[in-house]
Each structure stands twice: as structure tokens, then as C-alpha cells.
Amino acid sequence: MNIRTWWRERSYLAPVQRLSEFIETVLLTQIKDNIVIFID
């Protein structure tokens, strides 16, 4: 999966919505371990 392409294809969404969708549809479906996300 190309993350840059995925991100560009959803340019119609606000950045926070894109991040939320990315976490829900990509990270949580592909990574089975615990995930820690730091936002600065």
C-alpha cells in the first residue's frame, strides 16, 4: 500500500478526518499489536 497515494486520494477530507480514517481503515486493520500514537 502506498500511503502517499492513499492520503492524496482523500484530499477532499479535512486533515483530522483523513488521519482518523487512516487509523481506522489502515492501521487498525493491518496491525494486530497495540498501537501508541503521539501527536505534538
C-alpha atoms as a PDB file:
ATOM      1  CA  MET A   1       0.000   0.000   0.000  1.00  0.00           C
ATOM      2  CA  ASN A   2       1.260   3.450  -0.898  1.00  0.00           C
ATOM      3  CA  ILE A   3       0.379   5.760   1.979  1.00  0.00           C
ATOM      4  CA  ARG A   4       1.019   8.929  -0.018  1.00  0.00           C
ATOM      5  CA  THR A   5      -1.405   7.839  -2.717  1.00  0.00           C
ATOM      6  CA  TRP A   6      -3.976   6.859  -0.111  1.00  0.00           C
ATOM      7  CA  TRP A   7      -3.609  10.280   1.556  1.00  0.00           C
ATOM      8  CA  ARG A   8      -3.890  12.195  -1.755  1.00  0.00           C
ATOM      9  CA  GLU A   9      -6.967  10.230  -2.819  1.00  0.00           C
ATOM     10  CA  ARG A  10      -8.736  11.564   0.252  1.00  0.00           C
ATOM     11  CA  SER A  11      -7.716  15.202  -0.181  1.00  0.00           C
ATOM     12  CA  TYR A  12     -11.393  16.190  -0.064  1.00  0.00           C
ATOM     13  CA  LEU A  13     -11.358  15.395   3.687  1.00  0.00           C
ATOM     14  CA  ALA A  14     -10.013  17.685   6.381  1.00  0.00           C
ATOM     15  CA  PRO A  15      -6.602  16.552   7.700  1.00  0.00           C
ATOM     16  CA  VAL A  16      -8.050  15.394  11.031  1.00  0.00           C
ATOM     17  CA  GLN A  17     -10.741  13.367   9.242  1.00  0.00           C
ATOM     18  CA  ARG A  18      -8.102  11.828   6.967  1.00  0.00           C
ATOM     19  CA  LEU A  19      -5.983  10.854   9.957  1.00  0.00           C
ATOM     20  CA  SER A  20      -8.984   9.337  11.699  1.00  0.00           C
ATOM     21  CA  GLU A  21      -9.940   7.333   8.607  1.00  0.00           C
ATOM     22  CA  PHE A  22      -6.336   6.219   8.144  1.00  0.00           C
ATOM     23  CA  ILE A  23      -6.159   4.948  11.704  1.00  0.00           C
ATOM     24  CA  GLU A  24      -9.495   3.139  11.444  1.00  0.00           C
ATOM     25  CA  THR A  25      -9.203   1.651   7.956  1.00  0.00           C
ATOM     26  CA  VAL A  26      -5.475   1.055   7.610  1.00  0.00           C
ATOM     27  CA  LEU A  27      -3.630   0.887  10.909  1.00  0.00           C
ATOM     28  CA  LEU A  28      -6.220  -0.972  12.954  1.00  0.00           C
ATOM     29  CA  THR A  29      -6.875  -3.500  10.201  1.00  0.00           C
ATOM     30  CA  GLN A  30      -3.236  -4.255   9.372  1.00  0.00           C
ATOM     31  CA  ILE A  31      -1.509  -4.057  12.747  1.00  0.00           C
ATOM     32  CA  LYS A  32      -2.618  -6.584  15.338  1.00  0.00           C
ATOM     33  CA  ASP A  33      -0.381  -5.370  18.174  1.00  0.00           C
ATOM     34  CA  ASN A  34      -1.039  -2.438  20.478  1.00  0.00           C
ATOM     35  CA  ILE A  35      -0.513   0.969  18.881  1.00  0.00           C
ATOM     36  CA  VAL A  36       0.640   4.149  20.610  1.00  0.00           C
ATOM     37  CA  ILE A  37       0.228   7.417  18.712  1.00  0.00           C
ATOM     38  CA  PHE A  38       1.928  10.616  19.838  1.00  0.00           C
ATOM     39  CA  ILE A  39       0.652  13.893  18.406  1.00  0.00           C
ATOM     40  CA  ASP A  40       2.652  17.005  19.056  1.00  0.00           C
END
